[in-house]
Amino acid sequence: MSTTPTLGGGAFGSFATLRLVGPAVVADASGGQIQVNANTKFATNVPLDRFMLITKILYFLTWTKLPALGANANVGDWTIASQMTEALARTLFTASDGLFVDEWTLSIKEAQLTTSGSANPVILPGAIDRVLYNPWATQAQNLNSIVSVQPNNVNVNGPNVSVASVLEFQLLPITTDIRTYLATRVQIAGQA
């Protein structure tokens, strides 16, 4: 007797894992010491008789420009925040978003010079692999990817970062119960 592994397992049976490549979102704070926000909406093309069960998102970060360091200078601390959401009108990362699919924050500090003028090397992430332990079910025809670059006690201009995403999901048949759930789940006013 042989058993074959199934993706999704349990009540969902064996369904292929599919990938959706999202667009890159560029947040460029290299021209100042202020918060910069950027967002991009993209189509999911989910068939009307199916829903996506998003189980994993891989983010690719490209650091296009970092602040130039002068002699005995320190680069301030910056926070990069990203959010994937069904709220299409949203342009800012908001922790209270009830429709977010995934969100993360990352704090970076390019260098901290010592009194001798030396600094430890900086390792900036090139990818962030996010497994959604609470998978997100959606029939949304569009998703919104938001990136925010926020200064924390900065004294120089910030980074320029591009964040692109790849969503892994299963395309599952919609049932009456799931359609009702997706249409009536709790939403926060002003999210859409």
N, C-alpha and C. Protein backbone atom coordinates (compact mmCIF):
# COMPACT_ATOMS: atom_id res chain seq x y z
N MET A 1 0.85 -1.18 0.00
CA MET A 1 0.00 0.00 0.00
C MET A 1 0.89 1.23 0.00
N SER A 2 0.66 2.11 -0.96
CA SER A 2 1.46 3.33 -1.02
C SER A 2 0.58 4.54 -0.77
N THR A 3 1.18 5.52 -0.18
CA THR A 3 0.47 6.77 0.02
C THR A 3 1.22 7.86 -0.72
N THR A 4 0.46 8.69 -1.36
CA THR A 4 1.09 9.80 -2.08
C THR A 4 0.89 11.07 -1.27
N PRO A 5 1.92 11.87 -1.16
CA PRO A 5 1.77 13.12 -0.40
C PRO A 5 0.81 14.06 -1.12
N THR A 6 0.09 14.83 -0.36
CA THR A 6 -0.83 15.81 -0.94
C THR A 6 -0.45 17.20 -0.48
N LEU A 7 -0.62 18.13 -1.35
CA LEU A 7 -0.40 19.52 -0.99
C LEU A 7 -1.69 20.07 -0.43
N GLY A 8 -1.62 20.69 0.68
CA GLY A 8 -2.82 21.24 1.30
C GLY A 8 -3.48 20.23 2.22
N GLY A 9 -3.38 18.95 1.86
CA GLY A 9 -3.87 17.86 2.69
C GLY A 9 -5.24 18.09 3.27
N GLY A 10 -5.59 17.29 4.23
CA GLY A 10 -6.83 17.43 4.98
C GLY A 10 -8.06 17.54 4.09
N ALA A 11 -8.93 18.46 4.41
CA ALA A 11 -10.20 18.64 3.72
C ALA A 11 -10.02 19.12 2.28
N PHE A 12 -8.87 19.69 1.95
CA PHE A 12 -8.68 20.25 0.62
C PHE A 12 -8.16 19.23 -0.38
N GLY A 13 -7.72 18.07 0.10
CA GLY A 13 -7.23 17.04 -0.82
C GLY A 13 -5.95 17.46 -1.49
N SER A 14 -5.76 16.99 -2.70
CA SER A 14 -4.53 17.25 -3.43
C SER A 14 -4.74 18.31 -4.49
N PHE A 15 -4.20 19.49 -4.27
CA PHE A 15 -4.28 20.59 -5.22
C PHE A 15 -2.88 21.12 -5.46
N ALA A 16 -2.62 21.49 -6.69
CA ALA A 16 -1.30 22.02 -7.04
C ALA A 16 -1.06 23.35 -6.35
N THR A 17 0.18 23.60 -6.00
CA THR A 17 0.56 24.91 -5.48
C THR A 17 0.95 25.78 -6.68
N LEU A 18 0.33 26.93 -6.78
CA LEU A 18 0.55 27.84 -7.89
C LEU A 18 1.31 29.06 -7.40
N ARG A 19 1.89 29.81 -8.33
CA ARG A 19 2.62 31.03 -7.98
C ARG A 19 2.07 32.21 -8.76
N LEU A 20 2.02 33.34 -8.08
CA LEU A 20 1.63 34.61 -8.69
C LEU A 20 2.73 35.61 -8.40
N VAL A 21 3.35 36.13 -9.45
CA VAL A 21 4.43 37.10 -9.29
C VAL A 21 3.83 38.50 -9.27
N GLY A 22 4.05 39.19 -8.16
CA GLY A 22 3.55 40.55 -8.02
C GLY A 22 4.55 41.56 -8.55
N PRO A 23 4.11 42.78 -8.76
CA PRO A 23 5.01 43.83 -9.25
C PRO A 23 5.95 44.33 -8.16
N ALA A 24 7.03 44.96 -8.56
CA ALA A 24 7.96 45.57 -7.60
C ALA A 24 7.40 46.92 -7.15
N VAL A 25 7.58 47.19 -5.87
CA VAL A 25 7.19 48.49 -5.29
C VAL A 25 8.46 49.16 -4.82
N VAL A 26 8.71 50.38 -5.31
CA VAL A 26 9.94 51.10 -4.97
C VAL A 26 9.61 52.22 -4.00
N ALA A 27 10.30 52.24 -2.87
CA ALA A 27 10.18 53.33 -1.89
C ALA A 27 11.56 53.97 -1.79
N ASP A 28 11.67 55.19 -2.26
CA ASP A 28 12.95 55.89 -2.35
C ASP A 28 13.02 57.02 -1.33
N ALA A 29 13.76 56.79 -0.25
CA ALA A 29 13.95 57.82 0.78
C ALA A 29 15.34 58.43 0.67
N SER A 30 16.03 58.19 -0.45
CA SER A 30 17.41 58.68 -0.57
C SER A 30 17.50 60.18 -0.72
N GLY A 31 16.37 60.84 -0.97
CA GLY A 31 16.40 62.30 -1.13
C GLY A 31 16.06 63.07 0.12
N GLY A 32 15.91 62.41 1.26
CA GLY A 32 15.56 63.15 2.46
C GLY A 32 15.49 62.28 3.69
N GLN A 33 15.10 62.92 4.79
CA GLN A 33 15.04 62.26 6.09
C GLN A 33 13.60 62.06 6.53
N ILE A 34 12.69 61.88 5.55
CA ILE A 34 11.27 61.76 5.86
C ILE A 34 10.75 60.39 5.45
N GLN A 35 9.58 60.03 5.98
CA GLN A 35 8.94 58.76 5.64
C GLN A 35 8.50 58.80 4.18
N VAL A 36 8.72 57.70 3.47
CA VAL A 36 8.29 57.57 2.08
C VAL A 36 7.41 56.33 1.97
N ASN A 37 6.28 56.48 1.30
CA ASN A 37 5.34 55.37 1.12
C ASN A 37 5.12 55.13 -0.36
N ALA A 38 4.92 53.89 -0.74
CA ALA A 38 4.62 53.54 -2.13
C ALA A 38 3.71 52.32 -2.13
N ASN A 39 2.86 52.23 -3.14
CA ASN A 39 2.00 51.05 -3.25
C ASN A 39 1.72 50.76 -4.72
N THR A 40 1.37 49.51 -5.00
CA THR A 40 1.01 49.08 -6.34
C THR A 40 -0.07 48.03 -6.22
N LYS A 41 -1.13 48.20 -7.03
CA LYS A 41 -2.20 47.20 -7.08
C LYS A 41 -1.91 46.26 -8.24
N PHE A 42 -2.30 44.99 -8.09
CA PHE A 42 -2.10 44.04 -9.18
C PHE A 42 -3.24 43.02 -9.20
N ALA A 43 -3.52 42.49 -10.40
CA ALA A 43 -4.63 41.56 -10.60
C ALA A 43 -4.24 40.15 -10.19
N THR A 44 -5.20 39.44 -9.61
CA THR A 44 -5.00 38.04 -9.26
C THR A 44 -5.61 37.10 -10.29
N ASN A 45 -6.62 37.56 -11.01
CA ASN A 45 -7.33 36.77 -12.02
C ASN A 45 -7.90 35.47 -11.46
N VAL A 46 -8.44 35.53 -10.25
CA VAL A 46 -9.06 34.36 -9.63
C VAL A 46 -10.39 34.09 -10.35
N PRO A 47 -10.59 32.85 -10.86
CA PRO A 47 -11.88 32.53 -11.49
C PRO A 47 -13.02 32.68 -10.48
N LEU A 48 -14.21 33.02 -10.96
CA LEU A 48 -15.34 33.29 -10.06
C LEU A 48 -15.80 32.05 -9.29
N ASP A 49 -15.47 30.85 -9.78
CA ASP A 49 -15.89 29.64 -9.08
C ASP A 49 -14.78 29.07 -8.18
N ARG A 50 -13.71 29.86 -7.94
CA ARG A 50 -12.56 29.41 -7.14
C ARG A 50 -12.19 30.48 -6.12
N PHE A 51 -11.33 30.09 -5.17
CA PHE A 51 -10.73 31.06 -4.26
C PHE A 51 -9.28 30.68 -4.06
N MET A 52 -8.47 31.66 -3.72
CA MET A 52 -7.06 31.44 -3.45
C MET A 52 -6.87 31.18 -1.96
N LEU A 53 -6.08 30.16 -1.65
CA LEU A 53 -5.65 29.94 -0.27
C LEU A 53 -4.15 30.21 -0.27
N ILE A 54 -3.78 31.44 0.12
CA ILE A 54 -2.38 31.87 0.08
C ILE A 54 -1.66 31.28 1.29
N THR A 55 -0.60 30.51 1.02
CA THR A 55 0.12 29.82 2.09
C THR A 55 1.53 30.35 2.32
N LYS A 56 2.09 31.05 1.34
CA LYS A 56 3.47 31.51 1.46
C LYS A 56 3.70 32.71 0.55
N ILE A 57 4.51 33.65 1.01
CA ILE A 57 4.90 34.79 0.18
C ILE A 57 6.41 34.97 0.31
N LEU A 58 7.06 35.05 -0.82
CA LEU A 58 8.50 35.30 -0.86
C LEU A 58 8.70 36.72 -1.36
N TYR A 59 9.42 37.52 -0.59
CA TYR A 59 9.69 38.91 -0.95
C TYR A 59 11.15 39.04 -1.37
N PHE A 60 11.39 39.71 -2.48
CA PHE A 60 12.74 39.99 -2.95
C PHE A 60 13.01 41.48 -2.74
N LEU A 61 14.09 41.80 -2.00
CA LEU A 61 14.46 43.18 -1.72
C LEU A 61 15.69 43.56 -2.51
N THR A 62 15.61 44.66 -3.22
CA THR A 62 16.75 45.19 -3.96
C THR A 62 17.08 46.55 -3.39
N TRP A 63 18.30 46.68 -2.90
CA TRP A 63 18.77 47.93 -2.30
C TRP A 63 19.49 48.71 -3.38
N THR A 64 18.78 49.66 -3.99
CA THR A 64 19.33 50.41 -5.12
C THR A 64 20.32 51.46 -4.68
N LYS A 65 20.01 52.12 -3.58
CA LYS A 65 20.88 53.21 -3.13
C LYS A 65 20.87 53.27 -1.61
N LEU A 66 22.06 53.41 -1.04
CA LEU A 66 22.19 53.62 0.40
C LEU A 66 22.83 54.99 0.62
N PRO A 67 22.63 55.59 1.77
CA PRO A 67 23.23 56.90 2.03
C PRO A 67 24.75 56.85 1.97
N ALA A 68 25.34 57.92 1.47
CA ALA A 68 26.81 58.02 1.45
C ALA A 68 27.30 58.39 2.84
N LEU A 69 28.37 57.74 3.26
CA LEU A 69 28.94 58.02 4.57
C LEU A 69 30.08 59.00 4.45
N GLY A 70 30.05 60.00 5.27
CA GLY A 70 31.18 60.92 5.34
C GLY A 70 32.14 60.46 6.43
N ALA A 71 33.20 61.18 6.63
CA ALA A 71 34.18 60.83 7.67
C ALA A 71 33.52 60.90 9.05
N ASN A 72 33.69 59.84 9.82
CA ASN A 72 33.16 59.75 11.18
C ASN A 72 31.66 60.04 11.27
N ALA A 73 30.94 59.60 10.24
CA ALA A 73 29.49 59.82 10.23
C ALA A 73 28.77 58.51 10.53
N ASN A 74 27.60 58.62 11.10
CA ASN A 74 26.76 57.46 11.35
C ASN A 74 25.49 57.57 10.52
N VAL A 75 25.04 56.45 9.98
CA VAL A 75 23.78 56.44 9.26
C VAL A 75 22.69 56.12 10.26
N GLY A 76 21.60 56.88 10.17
CA GLY A 76 20.51 56.66 11.09
C GLY A 76 19.83 55.32 10.89
N ASP A 77 18.97 54.99 11.81
CA ASP A 77 18.22 53.74 11.80
C ASP A 77 16.95 53.95 10.98
N TRP A 78 16.66 53.00 10.06
CA TRP A 78 15.47 53.08 9.21
C TRP A 78 14.66 51.81 9.35
N THR A 79 13.35 51.94 9.28
CA THR A 79 12.45 50.79 9.30
C THR A 79 11.80 50.65 7.94
N ILE A 80 11.88 49.43 7.39
CA ILE A 80 11.20 49.12 6.14
C ILE A 80 9.99 48.28 6.53
N ALA A 81 8.80 48.69 6.11
CA ALA A 81 7.57 47.97 6.42
C ALA A 81 6.87 47.62 5.12
N SER A 82 6.34 46.41 5.04
CA SER A 82 5.63 45.97 3.85
C SER A 82 4.34 45.31 4.25
N GLN A 83 3.32 45.51 3.42
CA GLN A 83 2.01 44.94 3.71
C GLN A 83 1.35 44.54 2.40
N MET A 84 0.81 43.33 2.35
CA MET A 84 -0.01 42.86 1.24
C MET A 84 -1.43 42.86 1.76
N THR A 85 -2.35 43.54 1.06
CA THR A 85 -3.70 43.70 1.58
C THR A 85 -4.74 43.66 0.47
N GLU A 86 -5.97 43.35 0.87
CA GLU A 86 -7.11 43.44 -0.05
C GLU A 86 -7.66 44.86 -0.10
N ALA A 87 -7.25 45.72 0.81
CA ALA A 87 -7.73 47.10 0.87
C ALA A 87 -7.07 47.91 -0.26
N LEU A 88 -7.79 48.10 -1.35
CA LEU A 88 -7.20 48.70 -2.54
C LEU A 88 -6.99 50.21 -2.42
N ALA A 89 -7.74 50.89 -1.56
CA ALA A 89 -7.59 52.34 -1.42
C ALA A 89 -6.43 52.71 -0.50
N ARG A 90 -5.88 51.74 0.21
CA ARG A 90 -4.83 52.03 1.18
C ARG A 90 -3.52 52.37 0.47
N THR A 91 -2.87 53.43 0.94
CA THR A 91 -1.57 53.84 0.40
C THR A 91 -0.48 53.82 1.47
N LEU A 92 -0.87 53.62 2.73
CA LEU A 92 0.08 53.59 3.84
C LEU A 92 0.00 52.25 4.56
N PHE A 93 1.14 51.79 5.06
CA PHE A 93 1.20 50.62 5.93
C PHE A 93 0.42 50.94 7.20
N THR A 94 -0.57 50.11 7.53
CA THR A 94 -1.38 50.34 8.72
C THR A 94 -1.54 49.04 9.49
N ALA A 95 -1.05 48.99 10.70
CA ALA A 95 -1.08 47.76 11.50
C ALA A 95 -2.50 47.32 11.83
N SER A 96 -3.46 48.24 11.80
CA SER A 96 -4.84 47.89 12.16
C SER A 96 -5.66 47.46 10.94
N ASP A 97 -5.02 47.18 9.82
CA ASP A 97 -5.72 46.76 8.61
C ASP A 97 -6.29 45.35 8.80
N GLY A 98 -7.61 45.24 8.81
CA GLY A 98 -8.25 43.95 8.99
C GLY A 98 -8.25 43.08 7.75
N LEU A 99 -7.83 43.62 6.62
CA LEU A 99 -7.82 42.88 5.36
C LEU A 99 -6.42 42.54 4.88
N PHE A 100 -5.43 42.64 5.78
CA PHE A 100 -4.07 42.36 5.32
C PHE A 100 -3.86 40.87 5.15
N VAL A 101 -3.15 40.51 4.08
CA VAL A 101 -2.79 39.12 3.81
C VAL A 101 -1.51 38.78 4.58
N ASP A 102 -0.55 39.70 4.55
CA ASP A 102 0.73 39.51 5.23
C ASP A 102 1.34 40.88 5.47
N GLU A 103 2.13 40.99 6.53
CA GLU A 103 2.86 42.23 6.80
C GLU A 103 4.12 41.90 7.59
N TRP A 104 5.15 42.72 7.39
CA TRP A 104 6.41 42.54 8.12
C TRP A 104 7.12 43.89 8.21
N THR A 105 8.01 43.97 9.19
CA THR A 105 8.87 45.15 9.33
C THR A 105 10.30 44.70 9.51
N LEU A 106 11.21 45.55 9.09
CA LEU A 106 12.63 45.25 9.13
C LEU A 106 13.35 46.54 9.51
N SER A 107 14.21 46.48 10.50
CA SER A 107 14.99 47.65 10.90
C SER A 107 16.40 47.51 10.34
N ILE A 108 16.87 48.56 9.67
CA ILE A 108 18.23 48.52 9.12
C ILE A 108 19.05 49.69 9.65
N LYS A 109 20.32 49.45 9.77
CA LYS A 109 21.28 50.48 10.14
C LYS A 109 22.52 50.16 9.34
N GLU A 110 22.86 51.04 8.39
CA GLU A 110 23.95 50.71 7.48
C GLU A 110 25.27 50.57 8.21
N ALA A 111 25.60 51.52 9.07
CA ALA A 111 26.88 51.44 9.78
C ALA A 111 26.82 52.27 11.04
N GLN A 112 27.58 51.84 12.01
CA GLN A 112 27.77 52.61 13.24
C GLN A 112 29.27 52.71 13.43
N LEU A 113 29.82 53.87 13.15
CA LEU A 113 31.26 54.03 13.24
C LEU A 113 31.70 54.14 14.71
N THR A 114 32.81 53.54 14.99
CA THR A 114 33.38 53.61 16.33
C THR A 114 34.27 54.84 16.40
N THR A 115 34.81 55.11 17.58
CA THR A 115 35.69 56.28 17.72
C THR A 115 36.95 56.13 16.88
N SER A 116 37.34 54.89 16.55
CA SER A 116 38.53 54.69 15.71
C SER A 116 38.20 54.83 14.22
N GLY A 117 36.90 54.98 13.90
CA GLY A 117 36.51 55.16 12.51
C GLY A 117 36.20 53.86 11.79
N SER A 118 36.22 52.74 12.50
CA SER A 118 35.92 51.47 11.84
C SER A 118 34.45 51.10 12.07
N ALA A 119 33.92 50.27 11.16
CA ALA A 119 32.53 49.85 11.28
C ALA A 119 32.40 48.38 10.90
N ASN A 120 31.47 47.73 11.53
CA ASN A 120 31.18 46.35 11.17
C ASN A 120 30.51 46.30 9.81
N PRO A 121 30.70 45.22 9.05
CA PRO A 121 30.02 45.11 7.75
C PRO A 121 28.51 45.02 7.95
N VAL A 122 27.78 45.51 6.97
CA VAL A 122 26.33 45.50 7.03
C VAL A 122 25.80 44.44 6.08
N ILE A 123 24.92 43.62 6.56
CA ILE A 123 24.30 42.60 5.72
C ILE A 123 22.82 42.96 5.59
N LEU A 124 22.42 43.35 4.39
CA LEU A 124 21.03 43.70 4.13
C LEU A 124 20.35 42.51 3.46
N PRO A 125 19.17 42.15 3.90
CA PRO A 125 18.52 40.97 3.33
C PRO A 125 18.16 41.17 1.87
N GLY A 126 18.31 40.11 1.09
CA GLY A 126 17.91 40.14 -0.31
C GLY A 126 16.58 39.45 -0.52
N ALA A 127 16.17 38.62 0.44
CA ALA A 127 14.88 37.93 0.35
C ALA A 127 14.32 37.68 1.74
N ILE A 128 13.01 37.70 1.84
CA ILE A 128 12.31 37.38 3.08
C ILE A 128 11.27 36.33 2.72
N ASP A 129 11.39 35.16 3.33
CA ASP A 129 10.51 34.03 3.05
C ASP A 129 9.47 33.94 4.15
N ARG A 130 8.21 34.18 3.82
CA ARG A 130 7.15 34.22 4.83
C ARG A 130 6.16 33.07 4.61
N VAL A 131 6.18 32.08 5.49
CA VAL A 131 5.20 31.01 5.46
C VAL A 131 4.01 31.47 6.29
N LEU A 132 2.82 31.47 5.71
CA LEU A 132 1.63 31.93 6.42
C LEU A 132 1.04 30.75 7.19
N TYR A 133 1.33 30.68 8.48
CA TYR A 133 0.83 29.59 9.30
C TYR A 133 -0.68 29.69 9.47
N ASN A 134 -1.23 30.86 9.23
CA ASN A 134 -2.66 31.06 9.17
C ASN A 134 -2.96 31.48 7.72
N PRO A 135 -3.10 30.52 6.80
CA PRO A 135 -3.26 30.86 5.37
C PRO A 135 -4.44 31.81 5.15
N TRP A 136 -4.29 32.64 4.12
CA TRP A 136 -5.30 33.65 3.84
C TRP A 136 -6.16 33.20 2.66
N ALA A 137 -7.47 33.10 2.88
CA ALA A 137 -8.42 32.75 1.82
C ALA A 137 -8.98 34.02 1.21
N THR A 138 -9.00 34.09 -0.12
CA THR A 138 -9.51 35.29 -0.78
C THR A 138 -10.05 34.99 -2.17
N GLN A 139 -11.03 35.77 -2.55
CA GLN A 139 -11.55 35.76 -3.91
C GLN A 139 -11.25 37.10 -4.56
N ALA A 140 -10.40 37.90 -3.94
CA ALA A 140 -10.10 39.25 -4.42
C ALA A 140 -9.55 39.21 -5.85
N GLN A 141 -10.07 40.06 -6.69
CA GLN A 141 -9.59 40.15 -8.06
C GLN A 141 -8.33 41.01 -8.15
N ASN A 142 -8.08 41.80 -7.10
CA ASN A 142 -6.88 42.64 -7.03
C ASN A 142 -6.34 42.63 -5.61
N LEU A 143 -5.02 42.73 -5.49
CA LEU A 143 -4.37 42.91 -4.21
C LEU A 143 -3.52 44.17 -4.26
N ASN A 144 -3.19 44.71 -3.11
CA ASN A 144 -2.44 45.95 -2.99
C ASN A 144 -1.16 45.67 -2.20
N SER A 145 -0.02 45.98 -2.79
CA SER A 145 1.27 45.81 -2.13
C SER A 145 1.78 47.18 -1.70
N ILE A 146 2.07 47.33 -0.41
CA ILE A 146 2.46 48.62 0.16
C ILE A 146 3.85 48.50 0.79
N VAL A 147 4.70 49.49 0.56
CA VAL A 147 6.02 49.54 1.19
C VAL A 147 6.19 50.92 1.80
N SER A 148 6.72 50.94 3.01
CA SER A 148 6.97 52.20 3.72
C SER A 148 8.40 52.21 4.24
N VAL A 149 9.09 53.32 4.06
CA VAL A 149 10.44 53.50 4.60
C VAL A 149 10.34 54.62 5.63
N GLN A 150 10.61 54.29 6.89
CA GLN A 150 10.39 55.22 7.99
C GLN A 150 11.69 55.51 8.73
N PRO A 151 12.01 56.79 8.93
CA PRO A 151 13.23 57.13 9.67
C PRO A 151 13.04 56.99 11.18
N ASN A 152 14.11 56.60 11.85
CA ASN A 152 14.14 56.56 13.32
C ASN A 152 15.43 57.26 13.76
N ASN A 153 15.33 58.49 14.21
CA ASN A 153 16.49 59.26 14.66
C ASN A 153 17.57 59.37 13.58
N VAL A 154 17.17 59.73 12.37
CA VAL A 154 18.13 59.78 11.27
C VAL A 154 18.87 61.11 11.26
N ASN A 155 20.06 61.08 10.69
CA ASN A 155 20.79 62.33 10.48
C ASN A 155 21.27 62.43 9.04
N VAL A 156 20.92 61.46 8.20
CA VAL A 156 21.24 61.51 6.78
C VAL A 156 20.06 60.95 6.00
N ASN A 157 20.11 61.10 4.67
CA ASN A 157 19.06 60.58 3.81
C ASN A 157 18.94 59.07 3.94
N GLY A 158 17.79 58.54 3.56
CA GLY A 158 17.51 57.12 3.73
C GLY A 158 17.84 56.26 2.53
N PRO A 159 17.45 54.99 2.60
CA PRO A 159 17.73 54.06 1.51
C PRO A 159 16.67 54.11 0.41
N ASN A 160 17.01 53.51 -0.71
CA ASN A 160 16.07 53.29 -1.80
C ASN A 160 15.93 51.77 -1.90
N VAL A 161 14.73 51.26 -1.66
CA VAL A 161 14.52 49.80 -1.67
C VAL A 161 13.36 49.45 -2.58
N SER A 162 13.53 48.37 -3.31
CA SER A 162 12.49 47.82 -4.17
C SER A 162 12.07 46.48 -3.58
N VAL A 163 10.76 46.27 -3.41
CA VAL A 163 10.24 45.03 -2.83
C VAL A 163 9.30 44.38 -3.85
N ALA A 164 9.64 43.18 -4.29
CA ALA A 164 8.80 42.41 -5.20
C ALA A 164 8.37 41.14 -4.49
N SER A 165 7.18 40.65 -4.83
CA SER A 165 6.65 39.48 -4.11
C SER A 165 6.26 38.36 -5.07
N VAL A 166 6.34 37.14 -4.54
CA VAL A 166 5.83 35.95 -5.23
C VAL A 166 4.91 35.24 -4.24
N LEU A 167 3.64 35.14 -4.59
CA LEU A 167 2.66 34.48 -3.73
C LEU A 167 2.52 33.02 -4.14
N GLU A 168 2.54 32.12 -3.17
CA GLU A 168 2.26 30.71 -3.41
C GLU A 168 0.89 30.42 -2.84
N PHE A 169 0.04 29.75 -3.63
CA PHE A 169 -1.33 29.53 -3.21
C PHE A 169 -1.89 28.27 -3.87
N GLN A 170 -3.02 27.84 -3.33
CA GLN A 170 -3.80 26.78 -3.94
C GLN A 170 -5.08 27.41 -4.45
N LEU A 171 -5.51 27.01 -5.64
CA LEU A 171 -6.74 27.49 -6.23
C LEU A 171 -7.80 26.43 -5.97
N LEU A 172 -8.71 26.73 -5.05
CA LEU A 172 -9.67 25.74 -4.56
C LEU A 172 -11.08 26.09 -4.99
N PRO A 173 -11.95 25.07 -5.13
CA PRO A 173 -13.34 25.33 -5.51
C PRO A 173 -14.07 26.08 -4.39
N ILE A 174 -14.89 27.03 -4.79
CA ILE A 174 -15.63 27.82 -3.82
C ILE A 174 -16.91 27.06 -3.44
N THR A 175 -17.23 27.07 -2.16
CA THR A 175 -18.49 26.47 -1.69
C THR A 175 -19.37 27.60 -1.18
N THR A 176 -20.62 27.29 -0.92
CA THR A 176 -21.54 28.30 -0.41
C THR A 176 -21.06 28.84 0.93
N ASP A 177 -20.58 27.95 1.81
CA ASP A 177 -20.11 28.39 3.13
C ASP A 177 -18.89 29.30 3.01
N ILE A 178 -17.96 28.95 2.15
CA ILE A 178 -16.75 29.78 2.00
C ILE A 178 -17.10 31.12 1.36
N ARG A 179 -18.01 31.12 0.38
CA ARG A 179 -18.44 32.38 -0.26
C ARG A 179 -19.08 33.30 0.78
N THR A 180 -19.93 32.72 1.65
CA THR A 180 -20.58 33.51 2.71
C THR A 180 -19.55 34.06 3.67
N TYR A 181 -18.60 33.21 4.08
CA TYR A 181 -17.54 33.67 4.99
C TYR A 181 -16.75 34.82 4.38
N LEU A 182 -16.31 34.67 3.14
CA LEU A 182 -15.50 35.71 2.50
C LEU A 182 -16.28 37.01 2.33
N ALA A 183 -17.59 36.92 2.13
CA ALA A 183 -18.42 38.12 1.94
C ALA A 183 -18.77 38.80 3.25
N THR A 184 -18.72 38.08 4.36
CA THR A 184 -19.20 38.66 5.62
C THR A 184 -18.15 38.74 6.72
N ARG A 185 -16.89 38.36 6.43
CA ARG A 185 -15.88 38.41 7.51
C ARG A 185 -15.71 39.85 7.98
N VAL A 186 -15.24 40.00 9.18
CA VAL A 186 -15.12 41.31 9.81
C VAL A 186 -14.22 42.21 8.99
N GLN A 187 -14.70 43.42 8.72
CA GLN A 187 -13.91 44.41 8.00
C GLN A 187 -13.93 45.70 8.80
N ILE A 188 -12.84 46.43 8.71
CA ILE A 188 -12.75 47.72 9.40
C ILE A 188 -13.18 48.81 8.45
N ALA A 189 -13.99 49.74 8.92
CA ALA A 189 -14.50 50.81 8.07
C ALA A 189 -13.36 51.57 7.40
N GLY A 190 -13.55 51.91 6.14
CA GLY A 190 -12.56 52.70 5.41
C GLY A 190 -11.44 51.87 4.81
N GLN A 191 -11.54 50.55 4.85
CA GLN A 191 -10.47 49.70 4.35
C GLN A 191 -10.50 49.54 2.83
N ALA A 192 -11.66 49.47 2.24
CA ALA A 192 -11.77 49.13 0.82
C ALA A 192 -11.25 50.13 -0.13
